[in-house]
């Protein structure tokens, strides 16, 4: 806890110890940004707890089809070992064994699906991904969708808006306030409704306080989750940035933990 609030990091990437540094270096190179941590589970738990984080939503997107099974097994093992962790599995839209992949994800009792269109190299609204969305929609599981990149439009907010029109019951967490580097477009295109939520990850270091407050007001504090995007940002600094927004006590409670807890319980 910090400042009296129960806190969930709603966006944490983790990797097996033997590949964690290599994977984190790859993320650093992709975004040309330094990483604060190395992506190990033990490091996340230690540093998160020291800063005041109580629970973690852990994930890891499969950048190739062959990674799906092993990543999901790893995430499930971490959730089983650490009760403060809730795991979202992964799928890859180009898999020729999508039904089997999704059956494994469900059998492992993973609580959602993490997709990263820019790492996985597919446009969000690619019709080739529609069978995947249909399966996820039918299950009621949410998708944690990476959103936004100033260098490409694979995860542009307009593509997500198209998918939401095609799949009226699909539940989405639009990461990075709906569009990293595309916050203006996210504000213009994405509207709050019962199916879509937004996390704060990798946004607080880039935007002025007033811009963040405008995004929260637009999307609704009741629709936002606090996320750090471990291993990218320092836990203590991200919490300082969040509390510098000077939101109300009710807004803090909702964003820091209550919203995510309630939304995940809707399907349970």
Protein backbone atom coordinates (compact mmCIF):
# COMPACT_ATOMS: atom_id res chain seq x y z
CA UNK A 1 0.00 0.00 0.00
CA UNK A 2 0.97 3.63 -0.43
CA UNK A 3 -0.78 6.67 0.99
CA UNK A 4 -3.41 4.31 2.36
CA UNK A 5 -4.36 2.84 -1.03
CA UNK A 6 -4.34 -0.76 -2.18
CA UNK A 7 -2.46 -0.66 -5.50
CA UNK A 8 -2.45 -2.98 -8.50
CA UNK A 9 0.03 -2.65 -11.34
CA UNK A 10 -2.33 -3.47 -14.20
CA UNK A 11 0.41 -3.81 -16.83
CA UNK A 12 3.61 -5.76 -16.08
CA UNK A 13 5.68 -7.73 -18.60
CA UNK A 14 7.68 -10.62 -17.19
CA UNK A 15 10.07 -13.18 -18.70
CA UNK A 16 11.86 -16.36 -17.59
CA UNK A 17 15.09 -15.50 -15.81
CA UNK A 18 17.33 -17.03 -18.48
CA UNK A 19 15.99 -14.76 -21.24
CA UNK A 20 14.80 -11.75 -19.22
CA UNK A 21 17.71 -9.42 -19.96
CA UNK A 22 17.73 -10.29 -23.66
CA UNK A 23 13.97 -9.71 -23.91
CA UNK A 24 14.21 -6.41 -22.02
CA UNK A 25 17.09 -5.26 -24.22
CA UNK A 26 14.90 -5.99 -27.23
CA UNK A 27 12.11 -3.78 -25.88
CA UNK A 28 14.64 -1.04 -25.13
CA UNK A 29 15.96 -1.20 -28.70
CA UNK A 30 12.46 -1.26 -30.21
CA UNK A 31 11.40 1.92 -28.39
CA UNK A 32 14.84 3.52 -28.07
CA UNK A 33 14.18 3.96 -24.35
CA UNK A 34 16.20 2.78 -21.34
CA UNK A 35 14.64 0.10 -19.16
CA UNK A 36 14.59 0.56 -15.39
CA UNK A 37 14.49 -3.17 -14.65
CA UNK A 38 15.35 -6.49 -16.31
CA UNK A 39 11.99 -8.23 -16.53
CA UNK A 40 12.51 -10.91 -13.88
CA UNK A 41 9.57 -11.89 -11.68
CA UNK A 42 11.58 -11.66 -8.46
CA UNK A 43 12.76 -8.16 -9.36
CA UNK A 44 9.19 -7.03 -10.11
CA UNK A 45 7.90 -8.37 -6.82
CA UNK A 46 10.74 -6.92 -4.76
CA UNK A 47 10.78 -3.45 -6.29
CA UNK A 48 7.03 -3.23 -6.65
CA UNK A 49 6.43 -4.14 -3.03
CA UNK A 50 9.09 -1.70 -1.84
CA UNK A 51 7.27 1.11 -3.68
CA UNK A 52 3.83 0.14 -2.39
CA UNK A 53 2.44 -2.17 -5.09
CA UNK A 54 0.25 -4.94 -3.65
CA UNK A 55 -0.71 -6.93 -6.75
CA UNK A 56 0.32 -7.31 -10.38
CA UNK A 57 -1.34 -8.12 -13.70
CA UNK A 58 1.41 -10.03 -15.49
CA UNK A 59 1.66 -10.69 -19.22
CA UNK A 60 4.05 -11.33 -22.10
CA UNK A 61 3.09 -11.19 -25.80
CA UNK A 62 4.19 -13.94 -28.17
CA UNK A 63 6.21 -12.35 -30.97
CA UNK A 64 6.19 -15.65 -32.91
CA UNK A 65 3.58 -18.38 -33.18
CA UNK A 66 5.96 -20.94 -31.69
CA UNK A 67 6.20 -19.00 -28.41
CA UNK A 68 2.51 -19.12 -27.49
CA UNK A 69 2.43 -22.43 -25.63
CA UNK A 70 5.58 -21.88 -23.57
CA UNK A 71 4.72 -18.29 -22.65
CA UNK A 72 1.27 -19.27 -21.43
CA UNK A 73 2.69 -22.14 -19.38
CA UNK A 74 5.27 -19.78 -17.85
CA UNK A 75 2.69 -17.15 -16.96
CA UNK A 76 0.40 -19.74 -15.40
CA UNK A 77 3.27 -21.09 -13.29
CA UNK A 78 4.06 -17.60 -12.02
CA UNK A 79 0.43 -16.95 -11.09
CA UNK A 80 0.33 -20.28 -9.25
CA UNK A 81 3.54 -19.51 -7.36
CA UNK A 82 2.71 -15.92 -6.46
CA UNK A 83 -0.87 -15.25 -5.32
CA UNK A 84 -0.42 -11.50 -5.76
CA UNK A 85 -0.13 -12.05 -9.54
CA UNK A 86 -3.01 -12.34 -12.00
CA UNK A 87 -1.88 -13.60 -15.41
CA UNK A 88 -3.08 -12.76 -18.90
CA UNK A 89 -1.95 -15.27 -21.51
CA UNK A 90 -1.12 -14.59 -25.13
CA UNK A 91 -2.21 -15.63 -28.60
CA UNK A 92 -0.77 -14.95 -32.05
CA UNK A 93 -3.15 -14.06 -34.91
CA UNK A 94 -1.11 -16.03 -37.44
CA UNK A 95 -1.30 -19.31 -35.56
CA UNK A 96 -2.72 -22.23 -37.53
CA UNK A 97 -3.69 -23.90 -34.26
CA UNK A 98 -5.66 -21.03 -32.74
CA UNK A 99 -8.38 -23.22 -31.25
CA UNK A 100 -5.82 -25.42 -29.52
CA UNK A 101 -3.85 -22.38 -28.33
CA UNK A 102 -6.95 -20.80 -26.86
CA UNK A 103 -8.04 -24.06 -25.25
CA UNK A 104 -4.63 -24.26 -23.54
CA UNK A 105 -4.94 -20.66 -22.34
CA UNK A 106 -8.34 -21.40 -20.83
CA UNK A 107 -7.22 -24.72 -19.31
CA UNK A 108 -4.39 -22.87 -17.57
CA UNK A 109 -7.03 -20.54 -16.07
CA UNK A 110 -5.41 -17.40 -17.42
CA UNK A 111 -7.61 -14.37 -16.92
CA UNK A 112 -7.25 -12.59 -20.26
CA UNK A 113 -5.24 -12.25 -23.46
CA UNK A 114 -2.33 -9.91 -24.10
CA UNK A 115 -1.84 -8.75 -27.70
CA UNK A 116 0.82 -6.37 -29.01
CA UNK A 117 0.13 -5.52 -32.67
CA UNK A 118 3.45 -3.71 -33.12
CA UNK A 119 5.56 -6.57 -31.71
CA UNK A 120 3.40 -9.18 -33.44
CA UNK A 121 3.29 -7.18 -36.68
CA UNK A 122 -0.42 -7.18 -37.44
CA UNK A 123 -2.97 -4.37 -37.79
CA UNK A 124 -5.55 -4.55 -35.01
CA UNK A 125 -8.37 -4.62 -37.57
CA UNK A 126 -6.78 -7.25 -39.84
CA UNK A 127 -9.63 -9.60 -40.88
CA UNK A 128 -7.17 -12.48 -40.39
CA UNK A 129 -7.46 -11.79 -36.64
CA UNK A 130 -11.25 -11.88 -36.59
CA UNK A 131 -11.58 -15.58 -35.79
CA UNK A 132 -9.30 -14.98 -32.80
CA UNK A 133 -11.44 -12.06 -31.63
CA UNK A 134 -14.58 -14.14 -32.06
CA UNK A 135 -13.23 -16.88 -29.77
CA UNK A 136 -12.12 -14.36 -27.15
CA UNK A 137 -15.45 -12.51 -27.33
CA UNK A 138 -17.39 -15.76 -26.86
CA UNK A 139 -15.34 -16.61 -23.77
CA UNK A 140 -15.90 -13.26 -22.09
CA UNK A 141 -12.17 -12.89 -21.40
CA UNK A 142 -10.71 -9.37 -21.82
CA UNK A 143 -7.85 -8.41 -24.11
CA UNK A 144 -5.02 -6.21 -22.87
CA UNK A 145 -4.18 -4.49 -26.16
CA UNK A 146 -1.04 -2.47 -26.68
CA UNK A 147 -2.16 0.79 -28.25
CA UNK A 148 -0.25 3.37 -30.23
CA UNK A 149 3.09 4.09 -31.85
CA UNK A 150 4.12 7.33 -33.50
CA UNK A 151 6.08 5.40 -36.16
CA UNK A 152 3.33 3.12 -37.48
CA UNK A 153 -0.45 2.74 -37.44
CA UNK A 154 -0.74 -0.98 -36.67
CA UNK A 155 -2.20 -0.14 -33.25
CA UNK A 156 -3.78 3.19 -34.15
CA UNK A 157 -6.96 4.03 -32.20
CA UNK A 158 -9.05 4.08 -35.38
CA UNK A 159 -8.23 0.40 -35.93
CA UNK A 160 -9.44 -0.49 -32.45
CA UNK A 161 -12.63 1.48 -33.04
CA UNK A 162 -13.23 -0.63 -36.16
CA UNK A 163 -12.81 -3.88 -34.21
CA UNK A 164 -15.16 -2.71 -31.47
CA UNK A 165 -17.83 -2.06 -34.10
CA UNK A 166 -17.37 -5.55 -35.53
CA UNK A 167 -17.35 -7.30 -32.12
CA UNK A 168 -19.96 -5.66 -29.90
CA UNK A 169 -19.24 -7.82 -26.83
CA UNK A 170 -15.44 -7.85 -26.99
CA UNK A 171 -13.85 -6.53 -23.78
CA UNK A 172 -10.69 -4.48 -24.26
CA UNK A 173 -8.15 -2.78 -22.01
CA UNK A 174 -6.70 -0.11 -24.32
CA UNK A 175 -3.20 0.27 -22.92
CA UNK A 176 -1.34 3.57 -22.65
CA UNK A 177 -4.53 5.65 -22.44
CA UNK A 178 -5.60 4.22 -25.78
CA UNK A 179 -2.54 5.19 -27.80
CA UNK A 180 1.11 5.65 -26.87
CA UNK A 181 2.27 8.66 -28.88
CA UNK A 182 -1.28 8.90 -30.25
CA UNK A 183 -3.01 10.36 -27.22
CA UNK A 184 -4.71 13.13 -29.18
CA UNK A 185 -6.17 10.63 -31.62
CA UNK A 186 -7.22 8.32 -28.78
CA UNK A 187 -9.10 11.19 -27.16
CA UNK A 188 -10.81 12.03 -30.44
CA UNK A 189 -11.68 8.51 -31.58
CA UNK A 190 -12.22 6.28 -28.54
CA UNK A 191 -15.26 6.75 -26.39
CA UNK A 192 -15.95 5.14 -23.00
CA UNK A 193 -18.49 2.36 -22.86
CA UNK A 194 -19.04 -0.82 -20.89
CA UNK A 195 -16.59 -2.87 -22.97
CA UNK A 196 -13.45 -0.73 -23.00
CA UNK A 197 -11.04 0.30 -20.25
CA UNK A 198 -7.80 2.29 -20.33
CA UNK A 199 -4.55 1.99 -18.41
CA UNK A 200 -2.08 4.72 -17.48
CA UNK A 201 1.06 2.77 -18.40
CA UNK A 202 3.87 4.50 -20.33
CA UNK A 203 1.88 7.72 -20.43
CA UNK A 204 2.59 9.56 -17.19
CA UNK A 205 6.28 10.25 -18.05
CA UNK A 206 5.34 11.86 -21.38
CA UNK A 207 2.29 14.00 -20.73
CA UNK A 208 1.72 17.14 -18.64
CA UNK A 209 -0.47 16.71 -15.60
CA UNK A 210 -3.34 18.65 -17.16
CA UNK A 211 -3.31 16.49 -20.30
CA UNK A 212 -3.51 13.34 -18.19
CA UNK A 213 -6.35 14.78 -16.17
CA UNK A 214 -8.19 15.58 -19.42
CA UNK A 215 -7.78 12.00 -20.62
CA UNK A 216 -9.09 10.63 -17.32
CA UNK A 217 -12.04 13.03 -17.45
CA UNK A 218 -12.81 12.01 -21.04
CA UNK A 219 -12.59 8.27 -20.51
CA UNK A 220 -13.96 8.40 -16.97
CA UNK A 221 -11.99 7.61 -13.83
CA UNK A 222 -14.27 4.60 -13.40
CA UNK A 223 -12.83 3.19 -16.65
CA UNK A 224 -9.11 3.65 -15.92
CA UNK A 225 -6.49 1.35 -14.37
CA UNK A 226 -3.08 2.24 -12.96
CA UNK A 227 -0.29 0.50 -14.87
CA UNK A 228 3.49 0.82 -14.77
CA UNK A 229 4.60 -1.19 -17.86
CA UNK A 230 7.30 -3.03 -15.89
CA UNK A 231 10.22 -3.35 -16.66
CA UNK A 232 10.15 0.02 -18.41
CA UNK A 233 9.55 2.50 -15.58
CA UNK A 234 10.56 2.85 -11.94
CA UNK A 235 7.75 1.89 -9.56
CA UNK A 236 8.34 4.66 -7.07
CA UNK A 237 8.58 7.34 -9.74
CA UNK A 238 5.40 6.16 -11.47
CA UNK A 239 3.48 6.35 -8.21
CA UNK A 240 4.84 9.84 -7.59
CA UNK A 241 3.64 10.87 -11.05
CA UNK A 242 0.21 9.41 -10.38
CA UNK A 243 -0.29 11.09 -7.02
CA UNK A 244 0.92 14.38 -8.53
CA UNK A 245 -2.35 14.36 -10.53
CA UNK A 246 -4.11 15.24 -7.25
CA UNK A 247 -7.23 13.26 -8.07
CA UNK A 248 -9.98 12.80 -5.52
CA UNK A 249 -9.86 10.02 -2.97
CA UNK A 250 -12.63 8.17 -4.80
CA UNK A 251 -10.80 8.49 -8.14
CA UNK A 252 -7.56 7.24 -6.58
CA UNK A 253 -9.28 4.20 -5.10
CA UNK A 254 -10.99 3.36 -8.38
CA UNK A 255 -7.94 3.73 -10.61
CA UNK A 256 -5.37 2.19 -8.28
CA UNK A 257 -7.26 -1.07 -7.68
CA UNK A 258 -11.05 -1.11 -7.47
CA UNK A 259 -11.80 -0.76 -11.18
CA UNK A 260 -9.60 -3.64 -12.28
CA UNK A 261 -10.72 -5.93 -9.46
CA UNK A 262 -14.39 -5.33 -10.25
CA UNK A 263 -13.96 -5.65 -14.02
CA UNK A 264 -12.18 -8.99 -13.80
CA UNK A 265 -14.81 -10.28 -11.41
CA UNK A 266 -17.59 -9.49 -13.90
CA UNK A 267 -16.78 -12.65 -15.84
CA UNK A 268 -15.91 -14.85 -12.86
